[in-house]
Every structure is written in C-alpha cells, then in structure tokens.
Amino acid sequence: MESLKGLKVAILVTDGFEQVELLEPRMALDQAGAETRVVSPKDQRVKAWKFTDWGEVIPVDVPLDKASSRDFDAPLLPGGVMNPDSLRTIPKAVAFVKEFFDAGKPVAAICHGPWTVIEAGAAKGRRIASWPSLKTDLRNAGAEWMDQEVVVDRKPRVQLQARRHSSVKPRDDQVVRPNRHGKRTISPDSRLIAGSDSVGARFIQTNRRQVMLNPPVSKRDHVIGPWNAKIVVVEYGDFECPYCAAAEPVLRALRQALAGSLLFAFRHFPLAEAHPYALHAAEAGEAAGAQGKFWEMHDCLFEHQGALEDEDLIDYAAEVGCNLDQFINDMAENRYAVRVRQDFLSGVRSGVNGTPTIFINGLRYDGPRDLDSMLAAIEQTTALRA
C-alpha cells in the first residue's frame, strides 16, 4: 500500500456511529502512515453502535468547537444511523464538512455518511454510493446514486468516495491512489469497512436477513385494518423525526385508498441521540395504547412534533381521553420502555437504518414515499405473491 505518511485525517462522529466503520478504516489509515484524529461535538468520548447494541467508547481527540478543516487533509465520515442523522442537525458539523469540499480536498463517506454530505450542499452533480435507503435522499439532492461497493467521483478539485457494506476483499490500489493532480487520496474500500473475513462474513449474514421483516406482524403490534388483509404495511417510525411527519399524510392516504384490504402496523424506532424527546414520546404512545388510545396519541404526537416535553405529553394524554393518573404513573415508572426497546431491536434485525422505514408484505420498501409509487410497489408485491 502506498504510504500516507504526513497526511492528517479527521474522523467526524458523534454517538451512534457504526463501530466497524470507524475502527477498521482508522486501523488501515494508521498502518499506511496517516495521522487520524477523532473529531466530535462530544468533548471527551463517543459511544459506538455495534450491530444491534451499544459498543465501545472511543476518546475524542479534537472537540468540534476547536477543530479546523485547515489542519486536515481529508475527513472520513463513518455511518451508522444515529451518528449522521445527528451530525446533519449540527450547523458546525455541516460547516466543517463543507469546508473540505470548498477547499477541493478529498472526502470519504461510508454507508449513511453521505447524509452529512447532502446537508452540506455538496451532493449535487456527484456519483455517490451509500446504504440503499439513502438512494432517494441522494437523488433528491441532485446526486447520481450508484449501487456499487466503491465509487470515486472525480469532480474537478474534489474527490468524493462513498460506499456501503461489503464482504469483498480489499485491493491496495483502491485504498490509496494518486488523483489527477498527483496528490495522494484515500479511498474507503472493502478493507476499510470489513477489515477481515470474519467481519465480512457477519455483514453477509446481516444483509441477507435485513431485507425481510423480523418478526412478522402479530397481535402485539398496533394495527389498523383487518387481520385477514392481503396487504400488510409496517412503518418503523420516530415521533420526533420530520421525515416521519412528512410521510404521515401519504400513509394515511394509502390506508384510505386500500381500506378493507390493508393491515397497517406502526413500530417504534426512536433515534434518541438525534431526537432527544423521541424515546419518551414512544413510551407515551405505549402508555396511551395500554388504555386503548394508541392511534389517537400517535396522530397527536405527529401533529405536535415540535412540543414533546413531559408536560406536553400529559396534555396530549388528556386531550385523547386517557386516565391521567394511570398515564403519569406509567410514564414515571418507564413501564413501556422495554416494549419500545423490543420494537427498536426488531427494526435493527430487519435492516432498519433510518426513519421512516416501510415494509410491504414483509419486504423492505426503499422507493419514493409518494402515494403513486407506493401503490405501484404494492401492486407488484401482491402480483409476485399471487
């Protein structure tokens, strides 16, 4: 592998980054002689997400408030779900990434990492690979989404690389290569992500089961529609997520269009690091559901998404007709935290990497979230099952 001695790489993360997407690229970069520094809005340490649960705690080398893009040759943007979803809401993090593009420096993004690239306004006109659920977001931002393991976009002065999980063995010439100006640049290939055959094998197993809903809808779920329906749609959502709120009118129209033939279920997937009120809002939905008011509370929470503090949740419980003494007691004891956690972990097992994520008849739907597109996907899915 060509030496990267003297090059400085900023690894921008916050809590919830996928552990392997930081540790393995960092190890490869360090072995090639680069100097890597973890940059974060967290001052002292950040916590990784490891497949289905929290992982290692990593020291922060440079707090974001003290970081300057002028001190680095390139940034590395690991993925995960919570990490980039949170970073793209932090103006200083977005500005930090944008400065690299403005300076014509290479930028490496992994899996969900391109979310921050989109927020920085740097996706337009570029060829970018990512986790498949970002396809629509990238296309809406003006990028050409590529279903490839590694993509190197050679737009003038800037080299953007992005990829998604793979088990393909690395090639050294993909890790470090000269750009058209003769400068060394960093390409996040399979080795940087998978790191070893054992990790790569685990990704293969994970990806194979992620395309299917696990577990299927059952009596424990909150549902609308007949149990004998031929069409089953499941949403994994977050009551504080603006994209979930934007999808609500479409999903409501979908239920109306297919009334009598569609069973719709909602499962919780609160991205607590990015949305600090989402977890308690999910518990409030469950507490209301215990009193037969789940869907009333579901609608109320999305309608008032900007006000989800505890006193607001009590007001909404009163509005939908809950027994307040019972509701307040359930919330104080976090009685339904386990139930919310079970939904979240089922989402992880099912390959949910952001919200909203939709499943149609057990298959994850990654297409546009407009009514016509979803109706067409349902027609195709039911035809395949016929």
Protein backbone atom coordinates (compact mmCIF):
# COMPACT_ATOMS: atom_id res chain seq x y z
CA MET A 1 0.00 0.00 0.00
CA GLU A 2 1.28 3.47 -0.87
CA SER A 3 2.40 5.45 2.18
CA LEU A 4 0.13 8.13 3.60
CA LYS A 5 2.83 9.43 5.90
CA GLY A 6 2.23 13.05 6.79
CA LEU A 7 -1.44 13.13 5.80
CA LYS A 8 -3.90 14.11 8.53
CA VAL A 9 -7.43 12.68 8.51
CA ALA A 10 -10.34 13.95 10.63
CA ILE A 11 -12.83 11.22 11.56
CA LEU A 12 -16.06 13.11 12.27
CA VAL A 13 -18.51 11.22 14.50
CA THR A 14 -20.93 11.52 17.39
CA ASP A 15 -22.67 8.87 19.48
CA GLY A 16 -24.18 6.03 17.48
CA PHE A 17 -21.58 5.60 14.73
CA GLU A 18 -21.25 2.03 13.48
CA GLN A 19 -18.21 0.69 15.34
CA VAL A 20 -16.62 -1.21 12.47
CA GLU A 21 -16.93 1.85 10.21
CA LEU A 22 -14.58 3.81 12.45
CA LEU A 23 -12.19 1.22 13.85
CA GLU A 24 -11.34 -0.64 10.64
CA PRO A 25 -10.76 2.41 8.41
CA ARG A 26 -8.77 4.05 11.17
CA MET A 27 -6.56 0.99 11.55
CA ALA A 28 -5.90 0.87 7.79
CA LEU A 29 -5.12 4.57 7.66
CA ASP A 30 -2.80 4.39 10.66
CA GLN A 31 -0.99 1.40 9.16
CA ALA A 32 -0.48 3.41 5.97
CA GLY A 33 1.19 6.18 7.97
CA ALA A 34 -1.68 8.70 8.15
CA GLU A 35 -2.40 10.63 11.33
CA THR A 36 -6.04 10.13 12.32
CA ARG A 37 -7.94 12.25 14.83
CA VAL A 38 -11.47 11.68 16.09
CA VAL A 39 -13.38 14.97 15.86
CA SER A 40 -16.73 15.20 17.61
CA PRO A 41 -19.30 17.60 19.04
CA LYS A 42 -18.84 15.47 22.18
CA ASP A 43 -15.98 16.88 24.23
CA GLN A 44 -14.37 13.76 25.71
CA ARG A 45 -15.70 10.48 24.33
CA VAL A 46 -18.17 8.99 21.87
CA LYS A 47 -20.08 5.72 22.03
CA ALA A 48 -20.20 3.29 19.12
CA TRP A 49 -23.12 1.21 17.92
CA LYS A 50 -22.12 -2.42 17.28
CA PHE A 51 -24.60 -4.21 15.00
CA THR A 52 -27.56 -4.44 17.43
CA ASP A 53 -26.42 -2.71 20.64
CA TRP A 54 -24.02 -0.16 22.07
CA GLY A 55 -20.33 -0.90 21.55
CA GLU A 56 -17.01 0.62 22.53
CA VAL A 57 -16.40 4.08 23.95
CA ILE A 58 -13.82 5.98 21.87
CA PRO A 59 -11.83 9.00 23.14
CA VAL A 60 -12.34 12.27 21.29
CA ASP A 61 -9.05 13.74 20.08
CA VAL A 62 -10.34 17.15 18.96
CA PRO A 63 -13.66 18.68 20.09
CA LEU A 64 -15.57 20.03 17.09
CA ASP A 65 -15.60 23.54 18.57
CA LYS A 66 -11.79 23.57 18.41
CA ALA A 67 -11.38 21.77 15.06
CA SER A 68 -10.38 23.49 11.83
CA SER A 69 -10.53 21.92 8.40
CA ARG A 70 -7.27 23.73 7.60
CA ASP A 71 -5.49 21.33 9.98
CA PHE A 72 -6.54 18.22 8.00
CA ASP A 73 -6.04 16.83 4.51
CA ALA A 74 -9.34 14.90 4.40
CA PRO A 75 -12.34 13.92 6.51
CA LEU A 76 -13.71 10.40 6.98
CA LEU A 77 -17.46 10.21 7.62
CA PRO A 78 -18.48 6.84 9.12
CA GLY A 79 -22.11 5.82 9.05
CA GLY A 80 -24.45 4.13 11.44
CA VAL A 81 -27.94 5.59 11.67
CA MET A 82 -27.91 7.79 14.76
CA ASN A 83 -24.49 9.30 14.06
CA PRO A 84 -25.00 11.05 10.67
CA ASP A 85 -28.66 11.76 11.46
CA SER A 86 -27.44 13.74 14.47
CA LEU A 87 -24.45 15.37 12.75
CA ARG A 88 -26.57 16.78 9.94
CA THR A 89 -28.58 18.76 12.53
CA ILE A 90 -25.44 20.40 13.99
CA PRO A 91 -24.52 23.51 11.95
CA LYS A 92 -20.84 23.44 12.95
CA ALA A 93 -20.50 19.79 11.86
CA VAL A 94 -22.12 20.55 8.49
CA ALA A 95 -19.92 23.62 8.03
CA PHE A 96 -16.81 21.57 8.92
CA VAL A 97 -17.58 19.07 6.14
CA LYS A 98 -18.47 21.81 3.66
CA GLU A 99 -15.11 23.48 4.17
CA PHE A 100 -13.31 20.39 2.81
CA PHE A 101 -15.40 20.47 -0.36
CA ASP A 102 -14.86 24.20 -0.76
CA ALA A 103 -11.10 23.67 -0.39
CA GLY A 104 -11.03 20.88 -3.01
CA LYS A 105 -9.91 18.22 -0.56
CA PRO A 106 -10.95 14.54 -0.80
CA VAL A 107 -13.89 13.42 1.32
CA ALA A 108 -14.64 9.81 2.27
CA ALA A 109 -18.14 8.76 3.34
CA ILE A 110 -19.32 5.31 4.40
CA CYS A 111 -22.81 3.80 4.42
CA HIS A 112 -25.08 6.53 5.90
CA GLY A 113 -22.23 9.06 5.96
CA PRO A 114 -23.49 10.85 2.79
CA TRP A 115 -26.38 12.29 4.84
CA THR A 116 -23.93 14.92 6.08
CA VAL A 117 -22.69 15.47 2.51
CA ILE A 118 -26.28 16.20 1.46
CA GLU A 119 -26.74 18.66 4.32
CA ALA A 120 -23.50 20.39 3.32
CA GLY A 121 -24.97 21.01 -0.14
CA ALA A 122 -22.19 19.01 -1.79
CA ALA A 123 -24.09 16.07 -3.28
CA LYS A 124 -25.42 17.74 -6.43
CA GLY A 125 -23.80 16.53 -9.62
CA ARG A 126 -21.77 13.78 -7.93
CA ARG A 127 -21.76 9.99 -8.25
CA ILE A 128 -22.26 8.56 -4.75
CA ALA A 129 -22.72 5.08 -3.32
CA SER A 130 -24.38 4.56 0.05
CA TRP A 131 -26.62 2.32 2.07
CA PRO A 132 -29.63 1.67 -0.22
CA SER A 133 -32.11 3.55 1.98
CA LEU A 134 -30.30 6.82 1.15
CA LYS A 135 -30.94 6.39 -2.57
CA THR A 136 -33.97 8.68 -2.69
CA ASP A 137 -32.37 11.31 -0.43
CA LEU A 138 -29.27 11.45 -2.64
CA ARG A 139 -31.25 11.64 -5.86
CA ASN A 140 -33.42 14.41 -4.42
CA ALA A 141 -30.20 16.26 -3.57
CA GLY A 142 -29.08 16.03 -7.19
CA ALA A 143 -26.61 13.15 -6.91
CA GLU A 144 -26.38 10.10 -9.13
CA TRP A 145 -26.83 7.19 -6.72
CA MET A 146 -24.59 4.22 -7.58
CA ASP A 147 -25.33 0.66 -6.49
CA GLN A 148 -21.63 -0.21 -6.19
CA GLU A 149 -19.22 -1.17 -3.43
CA VAL A 150 -16.86 1.75 -4.09
CA VAL A 151 -17.41 4.91 -6.08
CA VAL A 152 -14.75 7.55 -6.75
CA ASP A 153 -16.24 10.77 -8.04
CA ARG A 154 -13.63 12.87 -9.79
CA LYS A 155 -15.42 16.17 -9.95
CA PRO A 156 -12.90 18.98 -10.53
CA ARG A 157 -10.75 19.67 -7.48
CA VAL A 158 -12.76 17.32 -5.28
CA GLN A 159 -12.67 13.56 -4.97
CA LEU A 160 -15.67 12.14 -3.13
CA GLN A 161 -15.76 8.47 -2.22
CA ALA A 162 -18.67 6.65 -0.67
CA ARG A 163 -19.57 3.00 -0.20
CA ARG A 164 -21.84 0.60 1.56
CA HIS A 165 -21.13 -2.62 3.49
CA SER A 166 -19.34 -5.34 1.58
CA SER A 167 -17.53 -8.60 2.12
CA VAL A 168 -15.31 -8.18 -0.94
CA LYS A 169 -11.61 -8.47 -0.13
CA PRO A 170 -9.65 -5.23 -0.45
CA ARG A 171 -7.32 -4.19 -3.19
CA ASP A 172 -4.47 -1.99 -2.10
CA ASP A 173 -4.77 0.18 -5.19
CA GLN A 174 -8.29 1.14 -4.06
CA VAL A 175 -7.10 2.19 -0.61
CA VAL A 176 -4.53 4.77 -1.68
CA ARG A 177 -4.21 6.21 -5.15
CA PRO A 178 -2.97 9.40 -6.79
CA ASN A 179 -5.61 11.80 -8.04
CA ARG A 180 -5.33 13.66 -11.30
CA HIS A 181 -3.23 16.32 -9.61
CA GLY A 182 -0.71 13.71 -8.45
CA LYS A 183 -1.72 14.04 -4.81
CA ARG A 184 -2.41 11.01 -2.66
CA THR A 185 -6.02 10.47 -1.74
CA ILE A 186 -7.88 7.98 0.41
CA SER A 187 -10.49 5.60 -0.93
CA PRO A 188 -12.70 3.73 1.59
CA ASP A 189 -12.65 0.27 0.05
CA SER A 190 -13.73 -3.09 1.44
CA ARG A 191 -10.76 -3.44 3.73
CA LEU A 192 -11.53 -0.14 5.39
CA ILE A 193 -15.03 -1.36 6.16
CA ALA A 194 -14.90 -5.11 6.57
CA GLY A 195 -11.36 -5.35 7.88
CA SER A 196 -11.28 -9.16 7.99
CA ASP A 197 -13.04 -12.14 6.53
CA SER A 198 -14.82 -12.83 9.84
CA VAL A 199 -16.33 -9.37 9.98
CA GLY A 200 -17.18 -9.54 6.29
CA ALA A 201 -18.96 -12.84 6.82
CA ARG A 202 -21.01 -11.30 9.58
CA PHE A 203 -22.04 -8.48 7.26
CA ILE A 204 -23.14 -11.04 4.66
CA GLN A 205 -25.36 -12.76 7.21
CA THR A 206 -26.75 -9.44 8.44
CA ASN A 207 -27.52 -8.17 4.95
CA ARG A 208 -29.31 -11.37 3.99
CA ARG A 209 -31.78 -11.12 6.86
CA GLN A 210 -32.18 -7.36 6.64
CA VAL A 211 -34.39 -7.46 3.57
CA MET A 212 -37.19 -9.22 5.47
CA LEU A 213 -39.37 -8.02 8.32
CA ASN A 214 -38.42 -9.82 11.54
CA PRO A 215 -40.66 -10.65 13.33
CA PRO A 216 -43.80 -10.54 11.17
CA VAL A 217 -46.85 -8.62 12.35
CA SER A 218 -48.64 -10.22 15.27
CA LYS A 219 -51.24 -9.42 17.91
CA ARG A 220 -48.63 -7.50 19.93
CA ASP A 221 -48.47 -4.83 17.20
CA HIS A 222 -50.57 -1.68 16.96
CA VAL A 223 -52.57 -2.11 13.76
CA ILE A 224 -55.30 -0.56 11.65
CA GLY A 225 -57.26 -2.76 9.26
CA PRO A 226 -58.48 -6.34 9.04
CA TRP A 227 -56.24 -9.20 10.18
CA ASN A 228 -57.10 -11.21 7.05
CA ALA A 229 -55.88 -8.42 4.73
CA LYS A 230 -53.80 -9.49 1.73
CA ILE A 231 -51.61 -6.38 2.05
CA VAL A 232 -49.57 -5.73 5.19
CA VAL A 233 -47.64 -2.48 5.55
CA VAL A 234 -45.37 -1.80 8.53
CA GLU A 235 -43.79 1.52 9.40
CA TYR A 236 -40.83 1.91 11.73
CA GLY A 237 -41.09 5.50 12.92
CA ASP A 238 -39.85 8.16 15.30
CA PHE A 239 -42.34 10.71 16.66
CA GLU A 240 -39.72 13.48 16.54
CA CYS A 241 -38.47 12.68 13.03
CA PRO A 242 -39.56 15.33 10.48
CA TYR A 243 -39.40 12.77 7.65
CA CYS A 244 -41.88 10.56 9.53
CA ALA A 245 -44.21 13.53 9.98
CA ALA A 246 -43.92 14.31 6.26
CA ALA A 247 -44.79 10.69 5.41
CA GLU A 248 -47.92 10.63 7.58
CA PRO A 249 -50.33 12.21 5.02
CA VAL A 250 -49.13 9.73 2.38
CA LEU A 251 -49.56 6.73 4.68
CA ARG A 252 -52.99 7.98 5.71
CA ALA A 253 -53.98 8.32 2.06
CA LEU A 254 -52.63 4.82 1.42
CA ARG A 255 -54.82 3.38 4.17
CA GLN A 256 -57.83 5.19 2.75
CA ALA A 257 -57.14 4.04 -0.81
CA LEU A 258 -56.82 0.40 0.28
CA ALA A 259 -59.38 0.38 3.08
CA GLY A 260 -60.60 -3.13 3.77
CA SER A 261 -57.65 -4.81 2.07
CA LEU A 262 -54.70 -3.37 4.00
CA LEU A 263 -53.39 -4.04 7.50
CA PHE A 264 -51.14 -1.21 8.71
CA ALA A 265 -48.81 -1.51 11.71
CA PHE A 266 -46.60 1.04 13.45
CA ARG A 267 -43.41 0.10 15.31
CA HIS A 268 -41.16 2.39 17.30
CA PHE A 269 -37.65 3.24 16.15
CA PRO A 270 -36.69 6.30 18.22
CA LEU A 271 -33.34 7.79 17.18
CA ALA A 272 -32.70 9.11 20.68
CA GLU A 273 -29.27 10.63 20.00
CA ALA A 274 -30.62 12.80 17.20
CA HIS A 275 -34.09 13.32 18.67
CA PRO A 276 -33.92 13.76 22.46
CA TYR A 277 -37.69 13.59 23.02
CA ALA A 278 -38.37 10.63 20.74
CA LEU A 279 -37.90 7.87 23.31
CA HIS A 280 -40.25 9.34 25.89
CA ALA A 281 -42.76 10.13 23.13
CA ALA A 282 -42.68 6.47 22.10
CA GLU A 283 -43.28 5.44 25.71
CA ALA A 284 -46.19 7.89 25.83
CA GLY A 285 -47.66 6.22 22.77
CA GLU A 286 -47.46 2.88 24.54
CA ALA A 287 -48.90 4.27 27.77
CA ALA A 288 -51.85 5.62 25.80
CA GLY A 289 -52.08 2.33 23.92
CA ALA A 290 -52.49 0.49 27.24
CA GLN A 291 -55.70 2.49 27.61
CA GLY A 292 -56.86 1.80 24.06
CA LYS A 293 -55.73 5.19 22.75
CA PHE A 294 -52.59 4.40 20.78
CA TRP A 295 -53.68 5.73 17.39
CA GLU A 296 -55.20 8.87 18.88
CA MET A 297 -51.89 9.55 20.65
CA HIS A 298 -49.93 8.58 17.51
CA ASP A 299 -51.74 11.25 15.49
CA CYS A 300 -51.46 13.83 18.27
CA LEU A 301 -47.71 13.35 18.69
CA PHE A 302 -47.02 13.82 14.99
CA GLU A 303 -49.34 16.82 14.87
CA HIS A 304 -47.45 18.48 17.74
CA GLN A 305 -43.99 17.20 16.88
CA GLY A 306 -42.29 20.40 18.00
CA ALA A 307 -43.55 20.11 21.58
CA LEU A 308 -42.77 16.73 23.12
CA GLU A 309 -41.60 17.54 26.64
CA ASP A 310 -43.11 15.58 29.52
CA GLU A 311 -45.73 18.20 30.39
CA ASP A 312 -46.76 18.28 26.72
CA LEU A 313 -47.22 14.50 26.71
CA ILE A 314 -49.52 14.77 29.73
CA ASP A 315 -51.57 17.42 27.92
CA TYR A 316 -51.91 15.16 24.89
CA ALA A 317 -52.93 12.23 27.08
CA ALA A 318 -55.72 14.36 28.50
CA GLU A 319 -56.68 15.51 25.01
CA VAL A 320 -57.12 11.95 23.72
CA GLY A 321 -59.07 10.85 26.80
CA CYS A 322 -56.54 8.88 28.87
CA ASN A 323 -56.84 8.34 32.61
CA LEU A 324 -54.17 10.81 33.67
CA ASP A 325 -53.30 9.19 36.99
CA GLN A 326 -52.55 5.91 35.23
CA PHE A 327 -50.72 7.63 32.36
CA ILE A 328 -48.49 9.70 34.67
CA ASN A 329 -47.69 6.69 36.83
CA ASP A 330 -46.82 4.56 33.77
CA MET A 331 -44.52 7.27 32.41
CA ALA A 332 -42.83 7.87 35.78
CA GLU A 333 -42.01 4.16 36.07
CA ASN A 334 -40.91 3.85 32.41
CA ARG A 335 -43.32 0.93 32.28
CA TYR A 336 -43.22 0.62 28.49
CA ALA A 337 -39.51 1.25 27.87
CA VAL A 338 -38.93 -2.47 27.31
CA ARG A 339 -41.72 -2.61 24.74
CA VAL A 340 -40.22 0.31 22.83
CA ARG A 341 -36.79 -1.32 23.02
CA GLN A 342 -38.22 -4.55 21.59
CA ASP A 343 -39.60 -2.63 18.61
CA PHE A 344 -36.25 -0.93 18.10
CA LEU A 345 -34.29 -4.18 18.15
CA SER A 346 -36.75 -5.81 15.77
CA GLY A 347 -36.05 -2.90 13.43
CA VAL A 348 -32.31 -3.49 13.69
CA ARG A 349 -32.83 -7.17 12.87
CA SER A 350 -34.97 -6.15 9.91
CA GLY A 351 -32.37 -3.80 8.44
CA VAL A 352 -33.93 -0.53 9.54
CA ASN A 353 -31.30 2.19 9.29
CA GLY A 354 -33.38 5.35 9.44
CA THR A 355 -36.91 6.62 9.76
CA PRO A 356 -39.37 6.18 8.34
CA THR A 357 -38.67 2.68 7.04
CA ILE A 358 -41.56 0.90 5.33
CA PHE A 359 -42.15 -2.80 4.78
CA ILE A 360 -44.69 -4.09 2.26
CA ASN A 361 -45.75 -7.71 2.74
CA GLY A 362 -42.60 -8.38 4.69
CA LEU A 363 -40.16 -6.80 2.21
CA ARG A 364 -38.40 -3.52 2.91
CA TYR A 365 -39.52 -0.76 0.57
CA ASP A 366 -36.73 1.64 -0.46
CA GLY A 367 -38.57 3.54 -3.17
CA PRO A 368 -40.06 7.05 -3.23
CA ARG A 369 -42.55 7.76 -0.46
CA ASP A 370 -45.36 9.18 -2.57
CA LEU A 371 -48.78 7.57 -2.94
CA ASP A 372 -48.49 6.52 -6.58
CA SER A 373 -45.08 4.90 -6.10
CA MET A 374 -46.21 3.00 -3.02
CA LEU A 375 -49.40 1.80 -4.70
CA ALA A 376 -47.32 0.57 -7.65
CA ALA A 377 -44.96 -1.25 -5.29
CA ILE A 378 -47.90 -2.88 -3.50
CA GLU A 379 -49.37 -3.99 -6.82
CA GLN A 380 -46.04 -5.50 -7.82
CA THR A 381 -45.58 -7.24 -4.46
CA THR A 382 -49.06 -8.74 -4.44
CA ALA A 383 -48.65 -9.89 -8.05
CA LEU A 384 -45.48 -11.74 -7.08
CA ARG A 385 -47.33 -13.45 -4.23
CA ALA A 386 -50.29 -14.45 -6.38
